[in-house]
Amino acid sequence: MRRVLAPRRRFVFEGRVPGDKSVTHRAYLMATRAKGETRIRGALRARDTDATLAVCRALGADITVDGDIVQVRPPERVSEPAGPLDCENAGTLLRLATGFLAGRGIFAVLTGDDSLRGRPMRRVVEPLALLGARIEGRRQGELAPLCILPAHLSGRRISLPLPSAQVKSALILAALDAEGETVLTDLKPTRDHTERMLRQFGVRFELTDDALTIPGGQELVSPGAVEVPGDISHAAFLLAAAALAPQGEATVAGIGLNPGRTGILRVLERMGAHIEIAPEHGAVEPAGAVHVRSGALTGVDIAADEVPSMIDELPAIAALALCAEGVTTVRGAAELRVKETDRIAALRQMAESVGGDFEELPDGFRIHGKERLEGGIVDSQGDHRIAMAAAILSLRCEQGVEVVGADAAAVSFPGFFDLFEAAASR
């Protein structure tokens, strides 16, 4: 689907965004193996998370859906699926489900679309094998489809220096089925949605600065209800649009403010946007309202240790950088090469399509900003975040932007383009 966005100079938004994708995936999976029913309110209904619902149903869960309220009745025991489990384009689902199933004592095959079958899995498969998991896949477990065989898991000490919440979460879920204690060491700061939700489901573990210890053999017990905050990764593109527009302002209420996810807010402020945060209190996941007003944007340097807190928002930051005064440099973001597409290459192509100055680096990029861009045709390459980044660029392009493959946004943010155009037409 193509979407033609005329040049606009004003962007005004006030409202909420769909539920957090990362939290929704985890809520569905944990509710499927917990004792007791779970009512999940605010769940994201999008292609990625609906794939997780389908996987949970195939594993025996009885699921009722009413808008963003999802009721999960778990099976007495996770069932062996009759066919392959299709994760579609959801990398979080593929990696978390691999850990979820590793010690369940059943045979299962995990697969996905062409893009997902090309994403690296050995980073998950190898540490799971140290616990005793038996997982086969293409290229010695590097690529899906993955075949998971019944196995007896035993806890042990495992180093996880890769700053990946997905890998950490897969190991945590497998450790719950292991005999004895599992200790994950050398951990780098990443989002902690899994740890927060496990506490809701009654799981005990010990967390220090760089290690996490999980006793095996624990049963999850449903808290009855789980609240999913709005997704800061969705909000990021609306907040970035407000920062980018010559006359821009946005207030997004109820979004998640997990400390491992708020790097985008710090960078927006450093670039020159005006930001106010009103935290809410009492929720398991930190949340609140964020207000952004446009300002004179300047380039920034983003170091490797900052990247994990904004990895999914870097396309929005790249869009801002193309229009900021000076140079923006991002390093330590090689993970962008193995997302839905090679996002560094896709961002370069986006920038070149609208007349921007973008230099690829092996692990990031360097952008020389311009006051105005020409505009043009941008191919999303099937990547939802590239599609949304291209959209917000239209606010500073003389000829507007035509987004090819705009429907990719529905993977995580259904209705984004309608919402964006309504805010940009005021």
Protein backbone atom coordinates (compact mmCIF):
# COMPACT_ATOMS: atom_id res chain seq x y z
CA MET A 1 0.00 0.00 0.00
CA ARG A 2 1.21 3.48 -0.91
CA ARG A 3 0.53 6.53 1.22
CA VAL A 4 1.12 10.04 -0.15
CA LEU A 5 1.78 12.62 2.56
CA ALA A 6 1.61 16.25 1.48
CA PRO A 7 4.08 18.70 3.06
CA ARG A 8 2.74 20.13 6.31
CA ARG A 9 4.23 22.51 8.84
CA ARG A 10 1.96 21.87 11.82
CA PHE A 11 1.49 18.79 13.95
CA VAL A 12 -0.81 18.71 17.00
CA PHE A 13 -1.71 15.50 18.84
CA GLU A 14 -3.31 14.71 22.18
CA GLY A 15 -4.39 11.21 23.14
CA ARG A 16 -3.19 7.68 23.77
CA VAL A 17 -1.38 5.03 21.75
CA PRO A 18 -1.97 1.25 21.50
CA GLY A 19 -0.61 -1.07 24.17
CA ASP A 20 3.04 -1.94 24.59
CA LYS A 21 4.09 -4.67 22.20
CA SER A 22 6.84 -6.11 24.42
CA VAL A 23 4.58 -6.26 27.48
CA THR A 24 1.69 -7.77 25.49
CA HIS A 25 3.83 -10.63 24.12
CA ARG A 26 5.02 -11.47 27.63
CA ALA A 27 1.56 -11.23 29.19
CA TYR A 28 0.09 -13.71 26.68
CA LEU A 29 2.90 -16.24 27.14
CA MET A 30 2.97 -16.07 30.93
CA ALA A 31 -0.81 -16.27 31.20
CA THR A 32 -0.71 -19.42 29.05
CA ARG A 33 1.52 -21.27 31.52
CA ALA A 34 0.14 -19.78 34.76
CA LYS A 35 -2.28 -21.32 37.20
CA GLY A 36 -5.62 -19.49 36.97
CA GLU A 37 -7.23 -17.18 34.43
CA THR A 38 -5.67 -13.84 33.50
CA ARG A 39 -7.51 -10.77 32.24
CA ILE A 40 -5.14 -8.59 30.19
CA ARG A 41 -6.32 -5.01 29.75
CA GLY A 42 -4.78 -2.62 27.21
CA ALA A 43 -3.26 -5.41 25.12
CA LEU A 44 -1.87 -4.45 21.74
CA ARG A 45 -3.97 -5.81 18.88
CA ALA A 46 -1.56 -5.89 15.95
CA ARG A 47 -0.15 -8.49 13.57
CA ASP A 48 2.86 -9.29 15.77
CA THR A 49 0.90 -9.77 18.99
CA ASP A 50 -2.00 -11.56 17.30
CA ALA A 51 0.61 -14.09 16.15
CA THR A 52 1.41 -14.67 19.83
CA LEU A 53 -2.28 -15.21 20.57
CA ALA A 54 -2.41 -17.81 17.80
CA VAL A 55 0.65 -19.60 19.22
CA CYS A 56 -0.87 -19.63 22.71
CA ARG A 57 -4.11 -21.10 21.34
CA ALA A 58 -2.12 -23.79 19.52
CA LEU A 59 -0.49 -24.65 22.87
CA GLY A 60 -3.92 -25.22 24.43
CA ALA A 61 -4.94 -21.85 25.89
CA ASP A 62 -8.62 -20.85 25.70
CA ILE A 63 -8.60 -17.17 24.74
CA THR A 64 -11.44 -14.64 24.54
CA VAL A 65 -10.82 -11.27 22.88
CA ASP A 66 -12.90 -8.13 23.29
CA GLY A 67 -11.02 -5.20 21.77
CA ASP A 68 -7.92 -4.57 23.88
CA ILE A 69 -9.17 -6.83 26.70
CA VAL A 70 -7.94 -10.41 26.39
CA GLN A 71 -8.97 -13.22 28.75
CA VAL A 72 -6.58 -16.19 28.87
CA ARG A 73 -7.61 -19.53 30.38
CA PRO A 74 -4.49 -21.71 30.47
CA PRO A 75 -4.48 -25.43 29.71
CA GLU A 76 -3.79 -27.86 32.55
CA ARG A 77 -0.60 -28.67 30.67
CA VAL A 78 0.83 -26.98 27.58
CA SER A 79 -0.25 -29.09 24.62
CA GLU A 80 2.00 -30.41 21.88
CA PRO A 81 0.99 -28.41 18.80
CA ALA A 82 -0.37 -30.34 15.82
CA GLY A 83 1.56 -28.24 13.30
CA PRO A 84 4.30 -25.60 13.04
CA LEU A 85 3.85 -22.49 15.19
CA ASP A 86 3.86 -19.47 12.88
CA CYS A 87 5.49 -16.44 14.51
CA GLU A 88 4.90 -14.42 11.30
CA ASN A 89 7.16 -11.33 11.58
CA ALA A 90 7.46 -11.23 15.40
CA GLY A 91 11.09 -11.58 16.48
CA THR A 92 10.19 -11.18 20.15
CA LEU A 93 7.72 -14.06 19.88
CA LEU A 94 10.19 -16.35 18.11
CA ARG A 95 12.92 -15.82 20.71
CA LEU A 96 10.70 -15.88 23.79
CA ALA A 97 8.75 -18.91 22.57
CA THR A 98 12.03 -20.79 22.05
CA GLY A 99 12.84 -20.35 25.74
CA PHE A 100 9.23 -20.91 26.79
CA LEU A 101 9.11 -24.31 25.04
CA ALA A 102 12.67 -25.53 25.67
CA GLY A 103 11.80 -27.32 28.90
CA ARG A 104 8.11 -28.06 28.41
CA GLY A 105 8.76 -31.66 27.36
CA ILE A 106 6.99 -31.40 24.00
CA PHE A 107 7.93 -31.41 20.33
CA ALA A 108 7.36 -28.09 18.55
CA VAL A 109 8.46 -26.31 15.40
CA LEU A 110 8.75 -22.51 15.32
CA THR A 111 8.78 -20.68 12.02
CA GLY A 112 7.83 -17.32 10.52
CA ASP A 113 7.78 -15.22 7.38
CA ASP A 114 10.74 -14.76 5.01
CA SER A 115 12.14 -11.87 7.06
CA LEU A 116 11.89 -13.67 10.40
CA ARG A 117 13.48 -16.85 9.02
CA GLY A 118 16.54 -14.75 8.19
CA ARG A 119 17.05 -13.31 11.68
CA PRO A 120 19.81 -14.66 13.99
CA MET A 121 18.77 -17.30 16.52
CA ARG A 122 22.04 -18.89 17.61
CA ARG A 123 22.37 -16.17 20.26
CA VAL A 124 19.33 -17.82 21.91
CA VAL A 125 19.86 -21.44 20.92
CA GLU A 126 23.43 -21.76 22.24
CA PRO A 127 22.82 -20.55 25.82
CA LEU A 128 19.62 -22.61 25.98
CA ALA A 129 21.68 -25.66 24.97
CA LEU A 130 23.88 -25.04 28.03
CA LEU A 131 20.78 -25.69 30.14
CA GLY A 132 20.21 -28.95 28.23
CA ALA A 133 17.75 -27.76 25.60
CA ARG A 134 17.62 -29.75 22.35
CA ILE A 135 16.97 -27.33 19.49
CA GLU A 136 17.72 -27.89 15.81
CA GLY A 137 17.54 -25.28 13.08
CA ARG A 138 18.96 -24.26 9.74
CA ARG A 139 22.69 -23.47 9.72
CA GLN A 140 23.29 -25.23 13.04
CA GLY A 141 20.52 -23.37 14.82
CA GLU A 142 21.28 -19.95 13.40
CA LEU A 143 18.01 -19.67 11.47
CA ALA A 144 14.37 -20.72 11.81
CA PRO A 145 12.49 -22.95 11.38
CA LEU A 146 13.57 -24.26 14.76
CA CYS A 147 12.69 -27.75 15.92
CA ILE A 148 12.41 -28.04 19.72
CA LEU A 149 12.69 -31.56 21.13
CA PRO A 150 11.70 -32.79 24.61
CA ALA A 151 14.60 -32.25 27.00
CA HIS A 152 15.47 -32.24 30.69
CA LEU A 153 16.92 -28.88 31.71
CA SER A 154 19.41 -28.37 34.52
CA GLY A 155 20.28 -25.01 36.01
CA ARG A 156 23.78 -23.65 35.67
CA ARG A 157 25.78 -20.41 35.51
CA ILE A 158 25.61 -18.70 32.09
CA SER A 159 27.31 -15.51 30.93
CA LEU A 160 25.08 -13.22 28.83
CA PRO A 161 27.18 -10.20 27.80
CA LEU A 162 25.00 -9.45 24.77
CA PRO A 163 22.68 -6.55 25.74
CA SER A 164 19.48 -8.24 24.54
CA ALA A 165 16.27 -8.35 26.58
CA GLN A 166 14.92 -11.04 24.23
CA VAL A 167 17.85 -13.41 24.86
CA LYS A 168 17.73 -12.76 28.60
CA SER A 169 13.96 -13.36 28.67
CA ALA A 170 14.25 -16.62 26.72
CA LEU A 171 16.78 -17.91 29.27
CA ILE A 172 14.62 -16.81 32.20
CA LEU A 173 11.57 -18.63 30.83
CA ALA A 174 13.59 -21.80 30.25
CA ALA A 175 15.19 -21.57 33.71
CA LEU A 176 11.74 -21.84 35.30
CA ASP A 177 11.60 -25.43 33.98
CA ALA A 178 15.17 -26.33 34.92
CA GLU A 179 16.19 -28.52 37.85
CA GLY A 180 18.17 -26.46 40.31
CA GLU A 181 19.29 -22.86 40.13
CA THR A 182 20.19 -20.86 37.02
CA VAL A 183 22.44 -17.81 37.34
CA LEU A 184 22.66 -15.36 34.43
CA THR A 185 25.83 -13.28 34.77
CA ASP A 186 27.58 -10.36 33.04
CA LEU A 187 24.20 -8.80 32.28
CA LYS A 188 24.16 -5.41 30.59
CA PRO A 189 21.33 -2.91 31.25
CA THR A 190 18.27 -3.76 29.12
CA ARG A 191 14.51 -3.44 29.47
CA ASP A 192 13.18 -5.52 32.37
CA HIS A 193 9.57 -6.22 31.33
CA THR A 194 10.00 -9.96 31.90
CA GLU A 195 11.34 -9.57 35.43
CA ARG A 196 8.57 -7.13 36.42
CA MET A 197 5.85 -9.40 35.05
CA LEU A 198 7.31 -12.53 36.63
CA ARG A 199 6.93 -10.87 40.02
CA GLN A 200 3.26 -10.27 39.19
CA PHE A 201 2.93 -14.01 38.50
CA GLY A 202 4.54 -14.92 41.83
CA VAL A 203 7.99 -15.99 40.58
CA ARG A 204 10.93 -15.66 42.96
CA PHE A 205 14.37 -14.57 41.77
CA GLU A 206 17.35 -12.58 43.01
CA LEU A 207 18.69 -9.63 41.05
CA THR A 208 22.01 -7.85 41.59
CA ASP A 209 23.76 -5.24 39.46
CA ASP A 210 24.92 -7.69 36.80
CA ALA A 211 23.44 -11.10 37.68
CA LEU A 212 20.05 -12.75 37.99
CA THR A 213 19.46 -15.97 39.95
CA ILE A 214 16.32 -18.05 39.28
CA PRO A 215 15.37 -21.18 41.23
CA GLY A 216 13.92 -23.76 38.84
CA GLY A 217 10.68 -25.67 39.13
CA GLN A 218 8.53 -22.64 39.93
CA GLU A 219 4.86 -22.46 39.01
CA LEU A 220 3.41 -19.19 37.74
CA VAL A 221 0.23 -18.09 39.50
CA SER A 222 -2.02 -15.61 37.74
CA PRO A 223 -2.48 -12.24 39.47
CA GLY A 224 -5.97 -12.19 37.94
CA ALA A 225 -5.41 -9.01 35.95
CA VAL A 226 -2.52 -7.45 34.04
CA GLU A 227 -2.45 -3.85 32.83
CA VAL A 228 -0.52 -3.05 29.65
CA PRO A 229 0.65 0.58 29.31
CA GLY A 230 0.81 2.43 26.00
CA ASP A 231 3.86 1.62 23.90
CA ILE A 232 6.61 4.23 24.12
CA SER A 233 7.93 2.95 20.78
CA HIS A 234 4.59 3.91 19.20
CA ALA A 235 4.51 7.22 21.03
CA ALA A 236 8.09 7.97 19.95
CA PHE A 237 7.06 8.61 16.35
CA LEU A 238 4.30 11.02 17.40
CA LEU A 239 6.59 12.79 19.86
CA ALA A 240 9.32 12.98 17.22
CA ALA A 241 6.80 14.42 14.74
CA ALA A 242 5.93 17.14 17.26
CA ALA A 243 9.62 17.89 17.77
CA LEU A 244 10.23 17.99 14.02
CA ALA A 245 7.30 20.10 12.81
CA PRO A 246 7.92 23.86 12.64
CA GLN A 247 4.76 24.17 14.75
CA GLY A 248 4.58 20.97 16.71
CA GLU A 249 3.04 19.82 19.96
CA ALA A 250 2.02 16.40 21.27
CA THR A 251 0.76 14.98 24.55
CA VAL A 252 0.61 11.20 24.84
CA ALA A 253 -1.00 9.84 28.01
CA GLY A 254 -0.54 6.49 29.72
CA ILE A 255 2.66 5.42 27.97
CA GLY A 256 5.19 3.06 29.53
CA LEU A 257 8.18 4.76 31.12
CA ASN A 258 10.25 1.69 31.87
CA PRO A 259 13.80 3.00 32.58
CA GLY A 260 15.15 0.62 29.96
CA ARG A 261 12.97 2.21 27.27
CA THR A 262 13.15 6.00 27.84
CA GLY A 263 16.36 6.80 25.95
CA ILE A 264 14.29 8.45 23.20
CA LEU A 265 13.04 11.09 25.65
CA ARG A 266 16.56 11.97 26.79
CA VAL A 267 17.74 12.30 23.20
CA LEU A 268 14.76 14.44 22.15
CA GLU A 269 15.61 16.83 24.96
CA ARG A 270 19.31 16.90 24.05
CA MET A 271 18.38 17.66 20.44
CA GLY A 272 16.39 20.71 21.55
CA ALA A 273 12.77 19.60 21.94
CA HIS A 274 10.87 20.84 24.99
CA ILE A 275 9.72 17.90 27.14
CA GLU A 276 7.52 17.54 30.22
CA ILE A 277 6.87 14.19 31.93
CA ALA A 278 4.03 13.54 34.38
CA PRO A 279 4.58 10.09 35.95
CA GLU A 280 1.74 7.91 37.21
CA HIS A 281 2.26 5.89 40.36
CA GLY A 282 1.40 2.44 41.62
CA ALA A 283 1.64 0.37 38.44
CA VAL A 284 4.00 -2.59 37.98
CA GLU A 285 5.25 -0.99 34.77
CA PRO A 286 6.13 2.72 35.21
CA ALA A 287 3.85 4.89 33.07
CA GLY A 288 2.76 8.48 32.63
CA ALA A 289 2.04 11.32 30.22
CA VAL A 290 4.67 12.95 28.02
CA HIS A 291 4.32 16.39 26.43
CA VAL A 292 6.64 17.56 23.65
CA ARG A 293 6.90 20.95 21.91
CA SER A 294 9.07 21.65 18.90
CA GLY A 295 12.32 23.54 19.24
CA ALA A 296 15.44 24.30 17.23
CA LEU A 297 17.00 20.88 16.69
CA THR A 298 20.74 20.20 16.83
CA GLY A 299 22.70 17.03 16.16
CA VAL A 300 23.87 14.78 19.00
CA ASP A 301 26.27 11.91 19.60
CA ILE A 302 24.66 8.69 20.82
CA ALA A 303 27.10 6.29 22.47
CA ALA A 304 26.95 2.51 22.43
CA ASP A 305 25.86 2.24 26.06
CA GLU A 306 22.80 4.40 25.30
CA VAL A 307 21.58 2.33 22.37
CA PRO A 308 19.74 -0.50 24.23
CA SER A 309 17.35 2.05 25.76
CA MET A 310 16.28 3.34 22.33
CA ILE A 311 17.12 0.63 19.77
CA ASP A 312 13.60 0.56 18.32
CA GLU A 313 13.33 4.35 18.25
CA LEU A 314 16.55 5.01 16.30
CA PRO A 315 14.62 5.35 13.01
CA ALA A 316 12.65 8.23 14.57
CA ILE A 317 15.91 9.79 15.79
CA ALA A 318 17.39 9.44 12.30
CA ALA A 319 14.41 11.34 10.86
CA LEU A 320 15.00 14.16 13.35
CA ALA A 321 18.73 14.18 12.64
CA LEU A 322 18.17 14.64 8.90
CA CYS A 323 16.57 18.00 9.71
CA ALA A 324 18.72 19.05 12.68
CA GLU A 325 21.55 21.55 12.58
CA GLY A 326 24.94 19.87 12.71
CA VAL A 327 25.96 16.23 12.84
CA THR A 328 24.34 13.25 14.59
CA THR A 329 26.40 10.11 15.13
CA VAL A 330 25.13 6.77 16.44
CA ARG A 331 27.57 4.00 17.38
CA GLY A 332 27.11 0.57 18.93
CA ALA A 333 23.88 -0.12 17.05
CA ALA A 334 24.92 -3.11 14.93
CA GLU A 335 21.71 -4.82 16.13
CA LEU A 336 19.88 -2.63 13.61
CA ARG A 337 21.43 -4.79 10.87
CA VAL A 338 19.33 -7.81 11.94
CA LYS A 339 15.91 -6.29 12.56
CA GLU A 340 12.96 -6.72 10.17
CA THR A 341 15.41 -5.49 7.55
CA ASP A 342 18.94 -4.10 7.69
CA ARG A 343 17.69 -0.86 9.23
CA ILE A 344 20.95 1.01 8.78
CA ALA A 345 20.87 0.37 5.02
CA ALA A 346 17.12 1.06 4.92
CA LEU A 347 17.59 4.39 6.72
CA ARG A 348 20.32 5.37 4.26
CA GLN A 349 17.99 4.62 1.36
CA MET A 350 15.21 6.62 3.06
CA ALA A 351 17.53 9.58 3.58
CA GLU A 352 18.82 9.52 0.01
CA SER A 353 15.27 9.28 -1.34
CA VAL A 354 14.33 12.63 0.25
CA GLY A 355 17.65 14.42 -0.38
CA GLY A 356 19.30 13.82 2.99
CA ASP A 357 22.96 13.26 3.87
CA PHE A 358 23.43 9.85 5.51
CA GLU A 359 26.62 7.86 6.03
CA GLU A 360 26.46 4.19 6.95
CA LEU A 361 28.82 2.99 9.66
CA PRO A 362 29.37 -0.71 10.43
CA ASP A 363 27.55 -0.32 13.76
CA GLY A 364 25.52 2.83 13.25
CA PHE A 365 25.31 5.96 11.14
CA ARG A 366 26.37 9.58 10.77
CA ILE A 367 23.94 12.24 9.52
CA HIS A 368 24.64 15.81 8.44
CA GLY A 369 21.37 17.64 8.95
CA LYS A 370 19.67 20.04 6.55
CA GLU A 371 17.09 22.73 7.24
CA ARG A 372 14.85 21.48 4.43
CA LEU A 373 14.64 18.23 2.49
CA GLU A 374 13.36 17.75 -1.05
CA GLY A 375 10.99 14.86 -0.41
CA GLY A 376 10.35 11.87 -2.62
CA ILE A 377 9.37 8.19 -2.65
CA VAL A 378 10.48 6.02 0.29
CA ASP A 379 10.19 2.22 0.27
CA SER A 380 9.53 0.87 3.79
CA GLN A 381 11.00 -2.49 2.71
CA GLY A 382 8.29 -4.09 4.81
CA ASP A 383 9.68 -2.57 8.04
CA HIS A 384 7.07 -0.89 10.25
CA ARG A 385 9.52 1.55 11.82
CA ILE A 386 10.95 2.68 8.49
CA ALA A 387 7.40 3.35 7.28
CA MET A 388 6.67 5.53 10.33
CA ALA A 389 10.02 7.33 10.14
CA ALA A 390 9.33 8.21 6.50
CA ALA A 391 5.94 9.61 7.49
CA ILE A 392 7.28 12.09 10.01
CA LEU A 393 9.88 13.30 7.50
CA SER A 394 7.01 14.68 5.40
CA LEU A 395 6.72 17.51 7.95
CA ARG A 396 10.02 18.95 6.72
CA CYS A 397 10.05 17.93 3.04
CA GLU A 398 9.28 20.52 0.36
CA GLN A 399 7.53 18.04 -1.93
CA GLY A 400 6.07 15.72 0.71
CA VAL A 401 6.74 11.98 0.94
CA GLU A 402 5.18 8.95 -0.72
CA VAL A 403 5.59 5.86 1.45
CA VAL A 404 5.62 2.57 -0.43
CA GLY A 405 4.62 -0.32 1.81
CA ALA A 406 2.93 1.94 4.35
CA ASP A 407 0.79 -0.98 5.52
CA ALA A 408 3.91 -2.38 7.25
CA ALA A 409 3.11 -0.01 10.13
CA ALA A 410 0.20 -2.28 11.07
CA VAL A 411 2.69 -4.89 12.31
CA SER A 412 2.96 -2.85 15.52
CA PHE A 413 0.81 0.29 15.20
CA PRO A 414 -2.50 -0.26 13.36
CA GLY A 415 -4.05 3.04 12.30
CA PHE A 416 -0.80 5.01 12.55
CA PHE A 417 -1.11 6.76 9.19
CA ASP A 418 -4.71 7.86 9.76
CA LEU A 419 -3.79 9.19 13.18
CA PHE A 420 -0.66 10.91 11.83
CA GLU A 421 -2.51 12.64 9.00
CA ALA A 422 -5.27 13.85 11.33
CA ALA A 423 -2.66 15.41 13.64
CA ALA A 424 -0.77 16.92 10.72
CA SER A 425 -3.83 18.48 9.07
CA ARG A 426 -4.86 20.73 11.92
